[in-house]
PDB file of N, CA and C in Angstrom:
ATOM      1  N   MET A   1       1.024  -1.414   0.000  1.00  0.00           N
ATOM      2  CA  MET A   1      -0.372  -0.139  -0.116  1.00  0.00           C
ATOM      3  C   MET A   1       1.048   1.214  -0.281  1.00  0.00           C
ATOM      4  N   ILE A   2       1.653   0.870   0.838  1.00  0.00           N
ATOM      5  CA  ILE A   2       2.696   2.546   0.870  1.00  0.00           C
ATOM      6  C   ILE A   2       3.410   2.521  -0.453  1.00  0.00           C
ATOM      7  N   GLU A   3       3.980   1.349  -0.879  1.00  0.00           N
ATOM      8  CA  GLU A   3       4.807   1.793  -2.143  1.00  0.00           C
ATOM      9  C   GLU A   3       3.681   2.150  -3.525  1.00  0.00           C
ATOM     10  N   SER A   4       2.133   1.620  -3.707  1.00  0.00           N
ATOM     11  CA  SER A   4       1.673   2.154  -4.315  1.00  0.00           C
ATOM     12  C   SER A   4       1.630   4.134  -4.150  1.00  0.00           C
ATOM     13  N   ASP A   5       0.982   4.331  -3.049  1.00  0.00           N
ATOM     14  CA  ASP A   5       0.797   5.731  -2.558  1.00  0.00           C
ATOM     15  C   ASP A   5       2.148   6.566  -3.464  1.00  0.00           C
ATOM     16  N   LEU A   6       3.516   5.986  -3.180  1.00  0.00           N
ATOM     17  CA  LEU A   6       4.488   6.676  -2.688  1.00  0.00           C
ATOM     18  C   LEU A   6       4.625   6.774  -4.517  1.00  0.00           C
ATOM     19  N   ALA A   7       4.354   5.649  -5.599  1.00  0.00           N
ATOM     20  CA  ALA A   7       4.323   6.007  -6.844  1.00  0.00           C
ATOM     21  C   ALA A   7       3.116   6.769  -7.194  1.00  0.00           C
ATOM     22  N   GLU A   8       2.214   6.564  -6.364  1.00  0.00           N
ATOM     23  CA  GLU A   8       1.068   7.728  -7.191  1.00  0.00           C
ATOM     24  C   GLU A   8       1.384   8.950  -6.696  1.00  0.00           C
ATOM     25  N   ASN A   9       2.007   9.627  -5.744  1.00  0.00           N
ATOM     26  CA  ASN A   9       2.555  10.623  -5.698  1.00  0.00           C
ATOM     27  C   ASN A   9       4.079  11.274  -6.181  1.00  0.00           C
ATOM     28  N   LEU A  10       4.400  10.306  -6.682  1.00  0.00           N
ATOM     29  CA  LEU A  10       5.819  10.489  -7.354  1.00  0.00           C
ATOM     30  C   LEU A  10       4.989  10.773  -8.977  1.00  0.00           C
ATOM     31  N   ARG A  11       4.489  10.679  -9.204  1.00  0.00           N
ATOM     32  CA  ARG A  11       3.423  10.684 -10.674  1.00  0.00           C
ATOM     33  C   ARG A  11       2.907  11.690 -10.799  1.00  0.00           C
ATOM     34  N   ARG A  12       1.971  12.263  -9.402  1.00  0.00           N
ATOM     35  CA  ARG A  12       1.582  13.727  -9.375  1.00  0.00           C
ATOM     36  C   ARG A  12       2.750  14.036  -9.945  1.00  0.00           C
ATOM     37  N   ALA A  13       3.674  14.595  -8.864  1.00  0.00           N
ATOM     38  CA  ALA A  13       5.031  15.348  -8.655  1.00  0.00           C
ATOM     39  C   ALA A  13       5.062  15.637 -10.134  1.00  0.00           C
ATOM     40  N   SER A  14       6.059  14.444 -10.454  1.00  0.00           N
ATOM     41  CA  SER A  14       6.494  14.656 -11.952  1.00  0.00           C
ATOM     42  C   SER A  14       5.578  14.755 -12.748  1.00  0.00           C
ATOM     43  N   SER A  15       4.471  15.315 -12.991  1.00  0.00           N
ATOM     44  CA  SER A  15       2.957  15.364 -13.881  1.00  0.00           C
ATOM     45  C   SER A  15       2.974  17.019 -13.348  1.00  0.00           C
ATOM     46  N   SER A  16       3.395  17.132 -12.555  1.00  0.00           N
ATOM     47  CA  SER A  16       2.750  18.495 -12.211  1.00  0.00           C
ATOM     48  C   SER A  16       4.121  19.336 -12.440  1.00  0.00           C
ATOM     49  N   PHE A  17       5.364  18.699 -12.327  1.00  0.00           N
ATOM     50  CA  PHE A  17       6.740  19.384 -12.579  1.00  0.00           C
ATOM     51  C   PHE A  17       6.754  19.783 -13.930  1.00  0.00           C
ATOM     52  N   ARG A  18       6.410  18.962 -14.529  1.00  0.00           N
ATOM     53  CA  ARG A  18       6.711  18.813 -16.770  1.00  0.00           C
ATOM     54  C   ARG A  18       5.928  19.834 -17.276  1.00  0.00           C
ATOM     55  N   ALA A  19       4.530  19.579 -16.693  1.00  0.00           N
ATOM     56  CA  ALA A  19       3.210  20.785 -17.031  1.00  0.00           C
ATOM     57  C   ALA A  19       3.807  22.263 -16.314  1.00  0.00           C
ATOM     58  N   ASP A  20       4.915  22.613 -15.441  1.00  0.00           N
ATOM     59  CA  ASP A  20       5.443  23.764 -14.595  1.00  0.00           C
ATOM     60  C   ASP A  20       6.309  23.951 -16.201  1.00  0.00           C
ATOM     61  N   ARG A  21       7.352  23.198 -16.307  1.00  0.00           N
ATOM     62  CA  ARG A  21       8.479  23.039 -16.705  1.00  0.00           C
ATOM     63  C   ARG A  21       8.210  23.729 -18.264  1.00  0.00           C
ATOM     64  N   VAL A  22       7.106  22.965 -19.093  1.00  0.00           N
ATOM     65  CA  VAL A  22       6.990  22.835 -20.361  1.00  0.00           C
ATOM     66  C   VAL A  22       5.957  24.387 -20.875  1.00  0.00           C
ATOM     67  N   SER A  23       5.074  25.023 -19.865  1.00  0.00           N
ATOM     68  CA  SER A  23       4.799  25.836 -19.429  1.00  0.00           C
ATOM     69  C   SER A  23       5.465  27.273 -19.660  1.00  0.00           C
ATOM     70  N   PHE A  24       6.677  26.962 -18.940  1.00  0.00           N
ATOM     71  CA  PHE A  24       8.139  28.314 -18.902  1.00  0.00           C
ATOM     72  C   PHE A  24       8.717  28.064 -20.318  1.00  0.00           C
ATOM     73  N   ALA A  25       9.121  26.786 -20.524  1.00  0.00           N
ATOM     74  CA  ALA A  25       9.596  26.923 -22.045  1.00  0.00           C
ATOM     75  C   ALA A  25       8.564  27.211 -23.054  1.00  0.00           C
ATOM     76  N   GLY A  26       7.546  26.818 -23.174  1.00  0.00           N
ATOM     77  CA  GLY A  26       6.688  27.587 -24.245  1.00  0.00           C
ATOM     78  C   GLY A  26       6.380  29.141 -23.948  1.00  0.00           C
ATOM     79  N   ALA A  27       6.496  29.722 -22.650  1.00  0.00           N
ATOM     80  CA  ALA A  27       6.039  31.287 -22.757  1.00  0.00           C
ATOM     81  C   ALA A  27       7.197  31.657 -23.400  1.00  0.00           C
ATOM     82  N   ARG A  28       8.504  31.639 -22.725  1.00  0.00           N
ATOM     83  CA  ARG A  28       9.893  31.928 -22.857  1.00  0.00           C
ATOM     84  C   ARG A  28      10.061  31.777 -24.792  1.00  0.00           C
ATOM     85  N   ALA A  29       9.741  30.989 -25.306  1.00  0.00           N
ATOM     86  CA  ALA A  29       9.990  30.623 -26.978  1.00  0.00           C
ATOM     87  C   ALA A  29       8.891  31.546 -27.351  1.00  0.00           C
ATOM     88  N   ARG A  30       7.275  31.966 -26.703  1.00  0.00           N
ATOM     89  CA  ARG A  30       6.713  33.242 -27.662  1.00  0.00           C
ATOM     90  C   ARG A  30       7.258  34.224 -27.218  1.00  0.00           C
ATOM     91  N   HIS A  31       8.195  34.330 -26.104  1.00  0.00           N
ATOM     92  CA  HIS A  31       8.675  35.761 -25.854  1.00  0.00           C
ATOM     93  C   HIS A  31      10.147  36.131 -27.002  1.00  0.00           C
ATOM     94  N   ARG A  32      10.698  34.632 -27.231  1.00  0.00           N
ATOM     95  CA  ARG A  32      11.966  34.756 -28.027  1.00  0.00           C
ATOM     96  C   ARG A  32      12.967  34.881 -26.956  1.00  0.00           C
ATOM     97  N   ASP A  33      12.635  34.890 -25.950  1.00  0.00           N
ATOM     98  CA  ASP A  33      13.632  35.116 -24.759  1.00  0.00           C
ATOM     99  C   ASP A  33      14.375  34.124 -24.562  1.00  0.00           C
ATOM    100  N   VAL A  34      14.474  32.716 -25.090  1.00  0.00           N
ATOM    101  CA  VAL A  34      14.844  31.295 -24.435  1.00  0.00           C
ATOM    102  C   VAL A  34      16.012  31.365 -25.462  1.00  0.00           C
ATOM    103  N   SER A  35      17.184  30.924 -25.185  1.00  0.00           N
ATOM    104  CA  SER A  35      17.879  30.336 -25.594  1.00  0.00           C
ATOM    105  C   SER A  35      17.917  28.846 -25.879  1.00  0.00           C
ATOM    106  N   GLU A  36      18.328  28.769 -27.067  1.00  0.00           N
ATOM    107  CA  GLU A  36      18.726  27.362 -27.206  1.00  0.00           C
ATOM    108  C   GLU A  36      19.096  26.145 -26.728  1.00  0.00           C
ATOM    109  N   THR A  37      20.252  26.619 -26.059  1.00  0.00           N
ATOM    110  CA  THR A  37      20.833  25.942 -24.769  1.00  0.00           C
ATOM    111  C   THR A  37      19.485  25.130 -23.895  1.00  0.00           C
ATOM    112  N   GLU A  38      18.710  26.557 -23.836  1.00  0.00           N
ATOM    113  CA  GLU A  38      17.844  26.471 -22.442  1.00  0.00           C
ATOM    114  C   GLU A  38      16.626  25.615 -23.064  1.00  0.00           C
ATOM    115  N   TYR A  39      16.300  26.182 -23.688  1.00  0.00           N
ATOM    116  CA  TYR A  39      15.496  24.814 -24.784  1.00  0.00           C
ATOM    117  C   TYR A  39      15.547  23.760 -24.800  1.00  0.00           C
ATOM    118  N   ARG A  40      16.732  22.946 -24.983  1.00  0.00           N
ATOM    119  CA  ARG A  40      17.118  21.814 -25.525  1.00  0.00           C
ATOM    120  C   ARG A  40      16.872  21.101 -23.883  1.00  0.00           C
ATOM    121  N   HIS A  41      17.543  21.792 -22.973  1.00  0.00           N
ATOM    122  CA  HIS A  41      17.370  21.476 -21.304  1.00  0.00           C
ATOM    123  C   HIS A  41      16.561  21.222 -21.244  1.00  0.00           C
ATOM    124  N   LEU A  42      15.174  22.306 -21.246  1.00  0.00           N
ATOM    125  CA  LEU A  42      14.005  22.180 -20.428  1.00  0.00           C
ATOM    126  C   LEU A  42      13.360  20.877 -21.158  1.00  0.00           C
ATOM    127  N   ARG A  43      13.630  20.787 -22.460  1.00  0.00           N
ATOM    128  CA  ARG A  43      13.071  19.537 -23.288  1.00  0.00           C
ATOM    129  C   ARG A  43      13.415  18.170 -22.850  1.00  0.00           C
ATOM    130  N   GLN A  44      15.128  18.300 -22.788  1.00  0.00           N
ATOM    131  CA  GLN A  44      15.378  17.048 -21.683  1.00  0.00           C
ATOM    132  C   GLN A  44      14.895  16.697 -20.593  1.00  0.00           C
ATOM    133  N   GLU A  45      14.440  17.592 -19.653  1.00  0.00           N
ATOM    134  CA  GLU A  45      13.411  17.306 -18.627  1.00  0.00           C
ATOM    135  C   GLU A  45      12.387  16.609 -18.882  1.00  0.00           C
ATOM    136  N   GLN A  46      11.994  17.395 -19.800  1.00  0.00           N
ATOM    137  CA  GLN A  46      10.199  17.118 -20.489  1.00  0.00           C
ATOM    138  C   GLN A  46      10.758  15.562 -20.727  1.00  0.00           C
ATOM    139  N   ILE A  47      11.421  14.769 -21.284  1.00  0.00           N
ATOM    140  CA  ILE A  47      11.944  13.763 -22.004  1.00  0.00           C
ATOM    141  C   ILE A  47      11.964  12.714 -20.750  1.00  0.00           C
ATOM    142  N   THR A  48      12.713  13.108 -19.747  1.00  0.00           N
ATOM    143  CA  THR A  48      13.305  12.290 -18.635  1.00  0.00           C
ATOM    144  C   THR A  48      11.884  12.369 -17.918  1.00  0.00           C
ATOM    145  N   MET A  49      10.908  13.257 -17.561  1.00  0.00           N
ATOM    146  CA  MET A  49       9.282  12.864 -16.752  1.00  0.00           C
ATOM    147  C   MET A  49       8.921  12.007 -16.899  1.00  0.00           C
ATOM    148  N   GLU A  50       9.090  12.073 -18.292  1.00  0.00           N
ATOM    149  CA  GLU A  50       7.981  11.194 -19.571  1.00  0.00           C
ATOM    150  C   GLU A  50       8.264   9.846 -19.191  1.00  0.00           C
ATOM    151  N   ILE A  51       9.659   9.507 -18.989  1.00  0.00           N
ATOM    152  CA  ILE A  51      10.326   8.099 -19.033  1.00  0.00           C
ATOM    153  C   ILE A  51      10.065   7.409 -17.717  1.00  0.00           C
ATOM    154  N   ILE A  52       9.835   8.505 -16.602  1.00  0.00           N
ATOM    155  CA  ILE A  52       9.571   8.235 -15.149  1.00  0.00           C
ATOM    156  C   ILE A  52       8.005   7.759 -14.960  1.00  0.00           C
ATOM    157  N   GLU A  53       7.327   8.750 -15.791  1.00  0.00           N
ATOM    158  CA  GLU A  53       6.211   8.496 -15.604  1.00  0.00           C
ATOM    159  C   GLU A  53       5.716   7.213 -16.184  1.00  0.00           C
ATOM    160  N   GLN A  54       6.444   6.929 -17.331  1.00  0.00           N
ATOM    161  CA  GLN A  54       6.312   5.638 -18.200  1.00  0.00           C
ATOM    162  C   GLN A  54       6.790   4.406 -17.366  1.00  0.00           C
ATOM    163  N   SER A  55       7.750   4.735 -16.778  1.00  0.00           N
ATOM    164  CA  SER A  55       7.906   3.066 -15.674  1.00  0.00           C
ATOM    165  C   SER A  55       7.421   3.315 -14.739  1.00  0.00           C
ATOM    166  N   ILE A  56       6.545   4.112 -14.144  1.00  0.00           N
ATOM    167  CA  ILE A  56       5.640   3.900 -13.271  1.00  0.00           C
ATOM    168  C   ILE A  56       4.588   3.451 -13.273  1.00  0.00           C
ATOM    169  N   ALA A  57       3.986   4.025 -14.713  1.00  0.00           N
ATOM    170  CA  ALA A  57       2.901   2.973 -15.087  1.00  0.00           C
ATOM    171  C   ALA A  57       2.899   1.221 -15.183  1.00  0.00           C
ATOM    172  N   ASP A  58       4.447   1.124 -16.180  1.00  0.00           N
ATOM    173  CA  ASP A  58       3.947  -0.181 -16.182  1.00  0.00           C
ATOM    174  C   ASP A  58       4.866  -0.886 -14.921  1.00  0.00           C
ATOM    175  N   GLY A  59       5.287  -0.341 -14.073  1.00  0.00           N
ATOM    176  CA  GLY A  59       5.460  -1.168 -12.973  1.00  0.00           C
ATOM    177  C   GLY A  59       7.156  -1.032 -12.892  1.00  0.00           C
ATOM    178  N   SER A  60       8.122  -0.611 -13.721  1.00  0.00           N
ATOM    179  CA  SER A  60       9.322  -0.936 -13.611  1.00  0.00           C
ATOM    180  C   SER A  60      10.384   0.066 -12.789  1.00  0.00           C
ATOM    181  N   HIS A  61       9.524   1.232 -12.640  1.00  0.00           N
ATOM    182  CA  HIS A  61       9.949   2.101 -11.631  1.00  0.00           C
ATOM    183  C   HIS A  61      10.419   1.801 -10.279  1.00  0.00           C
ATOM    184  N   PRO A  62      11.418   1.681  -9.547  1.00  0.00           N
ATOM    185  CA  PRO A  62      11.246   1.431  -8.274  1.00  0.00           C
ATOM    186  C   PRO A  62      10.966   1.961  -7.170  1.00  0.00           C
ATOM    187  N   ALA A  63       9.821   2.747  -7.757  1.00  0.00           N
ATOM    188  CA  ALA A  63       8.936   3.971  -6.341  1.00  0.00           C
ATOM    189  C   ALA A  63       8.415   2.702  -5.497  1.00  0.00           C
TER     190      ALA A  63
END
């Protein structure tokens, strides 16, 4: 039970974090204030969070 609660909390946190970072990246890109390096960094964070979420969903994450 604790493991499933941890997995759910991690999923929610990662989803929220990803949404915040994507929103930030999108807002910055729209204002042409974002550097290519910063954009790539934010995109990599988004991909990492998607991988974590997928591993939680398929049960391979150690949470």
